[in-house]
Amino acid sequence: MSTPSSTYLHGHHQSVLRSHSWRTANMYILDIGCGPGTITVDFAVLVPDGKVLGVEYSPDVLEQARTYASGRGVKNIEFTTGDIHSLDYPDNTFDIVHAHQVLQHLRDPLKAFSEMRRVTKPGGYVAIREGEVSTFTWYPENKDLDEWLDVYLRSAQSINSSPAAGRQLIALARKAGFERKDIIATASSWCFNIPEDRSWWGKMWADRTLTSSFAKSVIDAKEATREDLERYAQAWKIWEEDEDGWFAMIHSEVVCKVEVE
């Protein structure tokens, strides 16, 4: 008979469980760039005795986020507008501060990172995930999609956003005041190849290319014409419909602990 690798002294008698059930995850979480609130609501579900605040720069999408939260029956949540470069909260307010696909769209990701650290409590965490657009890879090869990616990256640089912020997360964290030992850096990937995934991804990028503010930015910057954008959107549709279609990209991630002084 093997010896257990560990033994819990108290066991799981009801007298013990009563004390365990008293404990609650009463965290205060800030989700920056919350958009329609899907991630924010998931946080709230995970901390039913805590509170989650979703912040978005533009108020346009927040009603959608509130409707989504209400539909999920989540009440420990709030949505408001705010600027990641100047968060309207005191120092040491939140247990966790999270941002997903936000820094790459900013002119000053370091200032944003520093603000995230400022409002995090000692012992708390800053968690950031950024997609690496330059790693977009697809099959079959398509020159129009190659051109689209080049236009995307040039346009992002022309408006002073930071499409390479993901690979710089460790450097940004250190400049924001984190010690290297308090930074956990990882990477993950998305891969779309089954018909349902290809349909969602291809249609989304075709629509973004033609109807989002990306189109206006690209045309205003003279990086492409309307005809070019229509050609790029059609290329996404062609990729989506190809049974051999495959797409992948990587994400950069960090979880940074604020030291207790």
C-alpha atoms as a PDB file:
ATOM      1  CA  MET A   1       0.000   0.000   0.000  1.00  0.00           C
ATOM      2  CA  SER A   2       1.467   3.336  -1.054  1.00  0.00           C
ATOM      3  CA  THR A   3       1.946   6.170   1.406  1.00  0.00           C
ATOM      4  CA  PRO A   4       0.012   9.362   0.600  1.00  0.00           C
ATOM      5  CA  SER A   5       2.228  12.209  -0.554  1.00  0.00           C
ATOM      6  CA  SER A   6       0.414  14.558   1.848  1.00  0.00           C
ATOM      7  CA  THR A   7      -2.093  14.330   4.679  1.00  0.00           C
ATOM      8  CA  TYR A   8      -4.617  16.955   5.719  1.00  0.00           C
ATOM      9  CA  LEU A   9      -4.478  17.039   9.527  1.00  0.00           C
ATOM     10  CA  HIS A  10      -8.028  18.345  10.026  1.00  0.00           C
ATOM     11  CA  GLY A  11      -9.763  16.049   7.564  1.00  0.00           C
ATOM     12  CA  HIS A  12     -13.146  17.016   6.114  1.00  0.00           C
ATOM     13  CA  HIS A  13     -15.525  16.647   9.046  1.00  0.00           C
ATOM     14  CA  GLN A  14     -18.534  19.002   9.003  1.00  0.00           C
ATOM     15  CA  SER A  15     -16.956  21.022  11.792  1.00  0.00           C
ATOM     16  CA  VAL A  16     -14.054  21.753   9.455  1.00  0.00           C
ATOM     17  CA  LEU A  17     -16.172  22.402   6.404  1.00  0.00           C
ATOM     18  CA  ARG A  18     -18.232  24.966   8.312  1.00  0.00           C
ATOM     19  CA  SER A  19     -15.112  27.080   8.744  1.00  0.00           C
ATOM     20  CA  HIS A  20     -14.151  26.600   5.083  1.00  0.00           C
ATOM     21  CA  SER A  21     -17.549  27.708   3.835  1.00  0.00           C
ATOM     22  CA  TRP A  22     -17.104  30.946   5.780  1.00  0.00           C
ATOM     23  CA  ARG A  23     -14.209  31.844   3.475  1.00  0.00           C
ATOM     24  CA  THR A  24     -15.146  33.744   0.331  1.00  0.00           C
ATOM     25  CA  ALA A  25     -13.279  35.061  -2.704  1.00  0.00           C
ATOM     26  CA  ASN A  26     -14.138  38.689  -1.966  1.00  0.00           C
ATOM     27  CA  MET A  27     -11.737  40.131  -4.497  1.00  0.00           C
ATOM     28  CA  TYR A  28     -12.103  43.499  -6.169  1.00  0.00           C
ATOM     29  CA  ILE A  29     -11.196  43.098  -9.842  1.00  0.00           C
ATOM     30  CA  LEU A  30     -10.712  45.778 -12.487  1.00  0.00           C
ATOM     31  CA  ASP A  31     -11.121  44.732 -16.127  1.00  0.00           C
ATOM     32  CA  ILE A  32      -9.801  47.473 -18.418  1.00  0.00           C
ATOM     33  CA  GLY A  33     -11.001  47.657 -22.016  1.00  0.00           C
ATOM     34  CA  CYS A  34     -13.954  45.471 -21.095  1.00  0.00           C
ATOM     35  CA  GLY A  35     -15.829  45.979 -24.383  1.00  0.00           C
ATOM     36  CA  PRO A  36     -19.077  43.955 -24.424  1.00  0.00           C
ATOM     37  CA  GLY A  37     -18.258  42.530 -20.986  1.00  0.00           C
ATOM     38  CA  THR A  38     -17.879  38.846 -21.767  1.00  0.00           C
ATOM     39  CA  ILE A  39     -14.591  38.400 -19.861  1.00  0.00           C
ATOM     40  CA  THR A  40     -15.711  40.813 -17.148  1.00  0.00           C
ATOM     41  CA  VAL A  41     -18.852  38.782 -16.460  1.00  0.00           C
ATOM     42  CA  ASP A  42     -16.825  35.566 -16.260  1.00  0.00           C
ATOM     43  CA  PHE A  43     -14.659  37.207 -13.583  1.00  0.00           C
ATOM     44  CA  ALA A  44     -17.780  38.174 -11.642  1.00  0.00           C
ATOM     45  CA  VAL A  45     -19.072  34.604 -11.768  1.00  0.00           C
ATOM     46  CA  LEU A  46     -15.760  33.369 -10.340  1.00  0.00           C
ATOM     47  CA  VAL A  47     -15.906  35.786  -7.379  1.00  0.00           C
ATOM     48  CA  PRO A  48     -19.586  35.820  -6.328  1.00  0.00           C
ATOM     49  CA  ASP A  49     -18.709  37.452  -3.003  1.00  0.00           C
ATOM     50  CA  GLY A  50     -16.389  39.959  -4.602  1.00  0.00           C
ATOM     51  CA  LYS A  51     -16.907  42.824  -7.014  1.00  0.00           C
ATOM     52  CA  VAL A  52     -15.826  43.384 -10.603  1.00  0.00           C
ATOM     53  CA  LEU A  53     -15.551  46.715 -12.362  1.00  0.00           C
ATOM     54  CA  GLY A  54     -15.406  46.886 -16.158  1.00  0.00           C
ATOM     55  CA  VAL A  55     -13.898  50.032 -17.663  1.00  0.00           C
ATOM     56  CA  GLU A  56     -14.117  51.071 -21.311  1.00  0.00           C
ATOM     57  CA  TYR A  57     -12.836  54.233 -22.978  1.00  0.00           C
ATOM     58  CA  SER A  58     -15.873  54.542 -25.235  1.00  0.00           C
ATOM     59  CA  PRO A  59     -19.357  54.465 -23.648  1.00  0.00           C
ATOM     60  CA  ASP A  60     -20.981  53.103 -26.812  1.00  0.00           C
ATOM     61  CA  VAL A  61     -20.538  49.414 -25.942  1.00  0.00           C
ATOM     62  CA  LEU A  62     -21.278  49.594 -22.213  1.00  0.00           C
ATOM     63  CA  GLU A  63     -25.046  49.198 -22.531  1.00  0.00           C
ATOM     64  CA  GLN A  64     -24.398  45.964 -24.374  1.00  0.00           C
ATOM     65  CA  ALA A  65     -22.113  44.869 -21.513  1.00  0.00           C
ATOM     66  CA  ARG A  66     -24.784  45.695 -18.921  1.00  0.00           C
ATOM     67  CA  THR A  67     -27.398  43.767 -20.901  1.00  0.00           C
ATOM     68  CA  TYR A  68     -25.072  40.773 -21.140  1.00  0.00           C
ATOM     69  CA  ALA A  69     -24.408  40.818 -17.383  1.00  0.00           C
ATOM     70  CA  SER A  70     -28.125  41.062 -16.650  1.00  0.00           C
ATOM     71  CA  GLY A  71     -28.848  38.167 -18.975  1.00  0.00           C
ATOM     72  CA  ARG A  72     -26.304  36.050 -17.114  1.00  0.00           C
ATOM     73  CA  GLY A  73     -27.911  37.010 -13.803  1.00  0.00           C
ATOM     74  CA  VAL A  74     -24.698  38.609 -12.530  1.00  0.00           C
ATOM     75  CA  LYS A  75     -25.155  41.410 -10.012  1.00  0.00           C
ATOM     76  CA  ASN A  76     -21.701  41.906  -8.448  1.00  0.00           C
ATOM     77  CA  ILE A  77     -20.531  43.911 -11.438  1.00  0.00           C
ATOM     78  CA  GLU A  78     -20.416  47.495 -12.637  1.00  0.00           C
ATOM     79  CA  PHE A  79     -19.452  49.123 -15.932  1.00  0.00           C
ATOM     80  CA  THR A  80     -18.157  52.638 -16.444  1.00  0.00           C
ATOM     81  CA  THR A  81     -16.031  54.773 -18.750  1.00  0.00           C
ATOM     82  CA  GLY A  82     -12.400  55.497 -18.001  1.00  0.00           C
ATOM     83  CA  ASP A  83      -8.960  56.146 -19.451  1.00  0.00           C
ATOM     84  CA  ILE A  84      -6.258  53.535 -18.830  1.00  0.00           C
ATOM     85  CA  HIS A  85      -3.618  56.285 -18.992  1.00  0.00           C
ATOM     86  CA  SER A  86      -5.243  58.076 -16.047  1.00  0.00           C
ATOM     87  CA  LEU A  87      -7.353  55.724 -13.949  1.00  0.00           C
ATOM     88  CA  ASP A  88      -9.722  57.558 -11.645  1.00  0.00           C
ATOM     89  CA  TYR A  89      -9.038  55.351  -8.611  1.00  0.00           C
ATOM     90  CA  PRO A  90      -6.772  55.709  -5.557  1.00  0.00           C
ATOM     91  CA  ASP A  91      -3.531  53.809  -5.187  1.00  0.00           C
ATOM     92  CA  ASN A  92      -3.823  50.210  -3.957  1.00  0.00           C
ATOM     93  CA  THR A  93      -7.532  49.781  -4.773  1.00  0.00           C
ATOM     94  CA  PHE A  94      -7.849  46.464  -6.643  1.00  0.00           C
ATOM     95  CA  ASP A  95      -6.765  42.888  -5.964  1.00  0.00           C
ATOM     96  CA  ILE A  96      -6.442  42.115  -9.681  1.00  0.00           C
ATOM     97  CA  VAL A  97      -6.164  44.485 -12.640  1.00  0.00           C
ATOM     98  CA  HIS A  98      -6.650  42.854 -16.042  1.00  0.00           C
ATOM     99  CA  ALA A  99      -6.393  43.979 -19.654  1.00  0.00           C
ATOM    100  CA  HIS A 100      -6.973  41.822 -22.729  1.00  0.00           C
ATOM    101  CA  GLN A 101      -5.859  43.079 -26.152  1.00  0.00           C
ATOM    102  CA  VAL A 102      -5.588  46.688 -24.979  1.00  0.00           C
ATOM    103  CA  LEU A 103      -1.959  47.857 -24.895  1.00  0.00           C
ATOM    104  CA  GLN A 104      -1.429  47.211 -28.601  1.00  0.00           C
ATOM    105  CA  HIS A 105      -3.956  49.954 -29.376  1.00  0.00           C
ATOM    106  CA  LEU A 106      -2.323  52.613 -27.195  1.00  0.00           C
ATOM    107  CA  ARG A 107       0.164  55.354 -27.926  1.00  0.00           C
ATOM    108  CA  ASP A 108       1.761  55.004 -24.494  1.00  0.00           C
ATOM    109  CA  PRO A 109       1.521  51.397 -23.243  1.00  0.00           C
ATOM    110  CA  LEU A 110       4.111  52.083 -20.522  1.00  0.00           C
ATOM    111  CA  LYS A 111       2.001  54.807 -18.942  1.00  0.00           C
ATOM    112  CA  ALA A 112      -0.980  52.459 -19.034  1.00  0.00           C
ATOM    113  CA  PHE A 113       1.026  49.631 -17.444  1.00  0.00           C
ATOM    114  CA  SER A 114       2.251  51.997 -14.721  1.00  0.00           C
ATOM    115  CA  GLU A 115      -1.320  53.083 -13.973  1.00  0.00           C
ATOM    116  CA  MET A 116      -2.433  49.464 -13.725  1.00  0.00           C
ATOM    117  CA  ARG A 117       0.322  48.818 -11.204  1.00  0.00           C
ATOM    118  CA  ARG A 118      -0.510  51.954  -9.221  1.00  0.00           C
ATOM    119  CA  VAL A 119      -4.123  50.960  -8.551  1.00  0.00           C
ATOM    120  CA  THR A 120      -3.235  47.361  -7.605  1.00  0.00           C
ATOM    121  CA  LYS A 121      -2.943  46.472  -3.924  1.00  0.00           C
ATOM    122  CA  PRO A 122       0.328  45.118  -2.497  1.00  0.00           C
ATOM    123  CA  GLY A 123       0.111  41.359  -2.923  1.00  0.00           C
ATOM    124  CA  GLY A 124      -2.236  41.811  -5.891  1.00  0.00           C
ATOM    125  CA  TYR A 125      -1.677  41.081  -9.557  1.00  0.00           C
ATOM    126  CA  VAL A 126      -1.606  42.831 -12.912  1.00  0.00           C
ATOM    127  CA  ALA A 127      -2.530  40.424 -15.732  1.00  0.00           C
ATOM    128  CA  ILE A 128      -2.186  41.354 -19.404  1.00  0.00           C
ATOM    129  CA  ARG A 129      -2.651  39.450 -22.649  1.00  0.00           C
ATOM    130  CA  GLU A 130      -1.812  40.863 -26.084  1.00  0.00           C
ATOM    131  CA  GLY A 131      -2.247  39.383 -29.538  1.00  0.00           C
ATOM    132  CA  GLU A 132       0.754  39.513 -31.845  1.00  0.00           C
ATOM    133  CA  VAL A 133      -0.796  40.629 -35.122  1.00  0.00           C
ATOM    134  CA  SER A 134       2.501  40.281 -36.970  1.00  0.00           C
ATOM    135  CA  THR A 135       2.350  36.514 -36.288  1.00  0.00           C
ATOM    136  CA  PHE A 136      -0.880  36.037 -38.273  1.00  0.00           C
ATOM    137  CA  THR A 137      -0.231  32.946 -40.400  1.00  0.00           C
ATOM    138  CA  TRP A 138      -2.590  31.277 -42.837  1.00  0.00           C
ATOM    139  CA  TYR A 139      -2.911  28.612 -45.473  1.00  0.00           C
ATOM    140  CA  PRO A 140      -3.473  28.564 -48.414  1.00  0.00           C
ATOM    141  CA  GLU A 141      -1.091  31.389 -49.202  1.00  0.00           C
ATOM    142  CA  ASN A 142      -2.811  34.506 -50.444  1.00  0.00           C
ATOM    143  CA  LYS A 143      -1.027  37.620 -51.715  1.00  0.00           C
ATOM    144  CA  ASP A 144      -4.023  39.812 -50.928  1.00  0.00           C
ATOM    145  CA  LEU A 145      -3.926  38.717 -47.279  1.00  0.00           C
ATOM    146  CA  ASP A 146      -0.165  39.309 -47.211  1.00  0.00           C
ATOM    147  CA  GLU A 147      -0.824  42.824 -48.463  1.00  0.00           C
ATOM    148  CA  TRP A 148      -3.657  43.291 -45.961  1.00  0.00           C
ATOM    149  CA  LEU A 149      -1.372  42.403 -43.040  1.00  0.00           C
ATOM    150  CA  ASP A 150       1.295  44.806 -44.250  1.00  0.00           C
ATOM    151  CA  VAL A 151      -1.299  47.579 -44.569  1.00  0.00           C
ATOM    152  CA  TYR A 152      -2.664  46.773 -41.099  1.00  0.00           C
ATOM    153  CA  LEU A 153       0.746  47.046 -39.432  1.00  0.00           C
ATOM    154  CA  ARG A 154       1.713  50.216 -41.307  1.00  0.00           C
ATOM    155  CA  SER A 155      -1.618  51.827 -40.465  1.00  0.00           C
ATOM    156  CA  ALA A 156      -1.280  50.948 -36.783  1.00  0.00           C
ATOM    157  CA  GLN A 157       2.145  52.571 -36.713  1.00  0.00           C
ATOM    158  CA  SER A 158       0.861  55.629 -38.569  1.00  0.00           C
ATOM    159  CA  ILE A 159      -1.619  56.395 -35.770  1.00  0.00           C
ATOM    160  CA  ASN A 160       1.075  55.760 -33.142  1.00  0.00           C
ATOM    161  CA  SER A 161      -0.498  52.650 -31.650  1.00  0.00           C
ATOM    162  CA  SER A 162       1.722  49.798 -30.434  1.00  0.00           C
ATOM    163  CA  PRO A 163       1.113  46.592 -32.418  1.00  0.00           C
ATOM    164  CA  ALA A 164       4.340  45.079 -31.004  1.00  0.00           C
ATOM    165  CA  ALA A 165       3.409  45.726 -27.348  1.00  0.00           C
ATOM    166  CA  GLY A 166       2.875  42.029 -26.669  1.00  0.00           C
ATOM    167  CA  ARG A 167       6.475  40.980 -27.159  1.00  0.00           C
ATOM    168  CA  GLN A 168       7.543  43.924 -24.990  1.00  0.00           C
ATOM    169  CA  LEU A 169       5.447  42.979 -21.949  1.00  0.00           C
ATOM    170  CA  ILE A 170       8.406  41.959 -19.764  1.00  0.00           C
ATOM    171  CA  ALA A 171      10.279  45.147 -20.636  1.00  0.00           C
ATOM    172  CA  LEU A 172       7.176  47.256 -20.016  1.00  0.00           C
ATOM    173  CA  ALA A 173       6.539  45.541 -16.686  1.00  0.00           C
ATOM    174  CA  ARG A 174      10.078  46.216 -15.499  1.00  0.00           C
ATOM    175  CA  LYS A 175       9.913  49.854 -16.584  1.00  0.00           C
ATOM    176  CA  ALA A 176       6.597  50.131 -14.736  1.00  0.00           C
ATOM    177  CA  GLY A 177       8.366  49.117 -11.528  1.00  0.00           C
ATOM    178  CA  PHE A 178       8.032  45.336 -11.298  1.00  0.00           C
ATOM    179  CA  GLU A 179      11.032  43.213 -10.332  1.00  0.00           C
ATOM    180  CA  ARG A 180      11.848  40.462 -12.824  1.00  0.00           C
ATOM    181  CA  LYS A 181      11.255  37.787 -10.173  1.00  0.00           C
ATOM    182  CA  ASP A 182       7.657  39.025  -9.821  1.00  0.00           C
ATOM    183  CA  ILE A 183       6.865  38.659 -13.540  1.00  0.00           C
ATOM    184  CA  ILE A 184       5.558  35.422 -15.039  1.00  0.00           C
ATOM    185  CA  ALA A 185       5.611  35.577 -18.842  1.00  0.00           C
ATOM    186  CA  THR A 186       3.947  33.043 -21.117  1.00  0.00           C
ATOM    187  CA  ALA A 187       2.585  32.668 -24.632  1.00  0.00           C
ATOM    188  CA  SER A 188      -0.436  30.911 -26.072  1.00  0.00           C
ATOM    189  CA  SER A 189      -1.956  30.490 -29.506  1.00  0.00           C
ATOM    190  CA  TRP A 190      -5.201  30.542 -31.404  1.00  0.00           C
ATOM    191  CA  CYS A 191      -5.735  28.154 -34.298  1.00  0.00           C
ATOM    192  CA  PHE A 192      -8.786  28.220 -36.563  1.00  0.00           C
ATOM    193  CA  ASN A 193      -9.349  25.497 -39.128  1.00  0.00           C
ATOM    194  CA  ILE A 194     -12.706  23.765 -38.653  1.00  0.00           C
ATOM    195  CA  PRO A 195     -15.562  25.254 -40.725  1.00  0.00           C
ATOM    196  CA  GLU A 196     -17.321  26.958 -37.796  1.00  0.00           C
ATOM    197  CA  ASP A 197     -14.121  28.648 -36.615  1.00  0.00           C
ATOM    198  CA  ARG A 198     -13.064  29.659 -40.125  1.00  0.00           C
ATOM    199  CA  SER A 199     -16.502  31.141 -40.756  1.00  0.00           C
ATOM    200  CA  TRP A 200     -16.424  33.214 -37.560  1.00  0.00           C
ATOM    201  CA  TRP A 201     -12.846  34.439 -38.017  1.00  0.00           C
ATOM    202  CA  GLY A 202     -13.009  35.097 -41.750  1.00  0.00           C
ATOM    203  CA  LYS A 203     -16.345  36.934 -41.660  1.00  0.00           C
ATOM    204  CA  MET A 204     -15.217  38.988 -38.662  1.00  0.00           C
ATOM    205  CA  TRP A 205     -12.084  40.237 -40.435  1.00  0.00           C
ATOM    206  CA  ALA A 206     -13.901  40.811 -43.715  1.00  0.00           C
ATOM    207  CA  ASP A 207     -16.435  42.993 -41.866  1.00  0.00           C
ATOM    208  CA  ARG A 208     -13.753  44.792 -39.842  1.00  0.00           C
ATOM    209  CA  THR A 209     -11.794  45.541 -42.974  1.00  0.00           C
ATOM    210  CA  LEU A 210     -14.754  47.239 -44.655  1.00  0.00           C
ATOM    211  CA  THR A 211     -16.935  48.662 -41.896  1.00  0.00           C
ATOM    212  CA  SER A 212     -14.887  49.406 -38.772  1.00  0.00           C
ATOM    213  CA  SER A 213     -12.852  52.543 -38.073  1.00  0.00           C
ATOM    214  CA  PHE A 214      -9.917  50.590 -39.527  1.00  0.00           C
ATOM    215  CA  ALA A 215     -11.263  51.348 -43.006  1.00  0.00           C
ATOM    216  CA  LYS A 216     -11.374  55.103 -42.427  1.00  0.00           C
ATOM    217  CA  SER A 217      -7.917  55.139 -40.804  1.00  0.00           C
ATOM    218  CA  VAL A 218      -6.374  53.206 -43.680  1.00  0.00           C
ATOM    219  CA  ILE A 219      -7.949  55.386 -46.357  1.00  0.00           C
ATOM    220  CA  ASP A 220      -7.162  58.632 -44.522  1.00  0.00           C
ATOM    221  CA  ALA A 221      -3.536  57.539 -44.168  1.00  0.00           C
ATOM    222  CA  LYS A 222      -3.468  56.689 -47.881  1.00  0.00           C
ATOM    223  CA  GLU A 223      -2.263  53.181 -47.045  1.00  0.00           C
ATOM    224  CA  ALA A 224      -4.993  51.640 -49.226  1.00  0.00           C
ATOM    225  CA  THR A 225      -8.025  52.564 -51.304  1.00  0.00           C
ATOM    226  CA  ARG A 226     -11.609  51.454 -50.868  1.00  0.00           C
ATOM    227  CA  GLU A 227     -11.096  49.078 -53.762  1.00  0.00           C
ATOM    228  CA  ASP A 228      -8.091  47.580 -51.974  1.00  0.00           C
ATOM    229  CA  LEU A 229     -10.142  47.037 -48.825  1.00  0.00           C
ATOM    230  CA  GLU A 230     -12.859  45.288 -50.794  1.00  0.00           C
ATOM    231  CA  ARG A 231     -10.190  43.032 -52.297  1.00  0.00           C
ATOM    232  CA  TYR A 232      -8.810  42.218 -48.831  1.00  0.00           C
ATOM    233  CA  ALA A 233     -12.281  41.452 -47.491  1.00  0.00           C
ATOM    234  CA  GLN A 234     -12.898  39.113 -50.420  1.00  0.00           C
ATOM    235  CA  ALA A 235      -9.581  37.380 -49.671  1.00  0.00           C
ATOM    236  CA  TRP A 236     -10.757  36.664 -46.133  1.00  0.00           C
ATOM    237  CA  LYS A 237     -13.981  35.196 -47.518  1.00  0.00           C
ATOM    238  CA  ILE A 238     -12.038  32.999 -49.939  1.00  0.00           C
ATOM    239  CA  TRP A 239      -9.854  31.746 -47.094  1.00  0.00           C
ATOM    240  CA  GLU A 240     -12.892  31.079 -44.929  1.00  0.00           C
ATOM    241  CA  GLU A 241     -14.533  28.902 -47.579  1.00  0.00           C
ATOM    242  CA  ASP A 242     -11.447  26.815 -48.342  1.00  0.00           C
ATOM    243  CA  GLU A 243     -11.651  23.327 -46.809  1.00  0.00           C
ATOM    244  CA  ASP A 244      -7.865  23.396 -46.393  1.00  0.00           C
ATOM    245  CA  GLY A 245      -8.036  26.765 -44.611  1.00  0.00           C
ATOM    246  CA  TRP A 246      -5.828  27.104 -41.523  1.00  0.00           C
ATOM    247  CA  PHE A 247      -4.974  30.127 -39.403  1.00  0.00           C
ATOM    248  CA  ALA A 248      -2.823  30.638 -36.301  1.00  0.00           C
ATOM    249  CA  MET A 249      -1.469  33.483 -34.183  1.00  0.00           C
ATOM    250  CA  ILE A 250       0.359  33.784 -30.878  1.00  0.00           C
ATOM    251  CA  HIS A 251      -0.437  35.825 -27.787  1.00  0.00           C
ATOM    252  CA  SER A 252       1.976  37.272 -25.259  1.00  0.00           C
ATOM    253  CA  GLU A 253       0.956  37.187 -21.589  1.00  0.00           C
ATOM    254  CA  VAL A 254       2.252  38.395 -18.243  1.00  0.00           C
ATOM    255  CA  VAL A 255       1.083  38.087 -14.665  1.00  0.00           C
ATOM    256  CA  CYS A 256       2.909  40.534 -12.404  1.00  0.00           C
ATOM    257  CA  LYS A 257       2.735  40.521  -8.610  1.00  0.00           C
ATOM    258  CA  VAL A 258       2.853  43.802  -6.703  1.00  0.00           C
ATOM    259  CA  GLU A 259       5.264  43.246  -3.842  1.00  0.00           C
ATOM    260  CA  VAL A 260       4.209  43.698  -0.240  1.00  0.00           C
ATOM    261  CA  GLU A 261       6.549  46.250   1.288  1.00  0.00           C
END
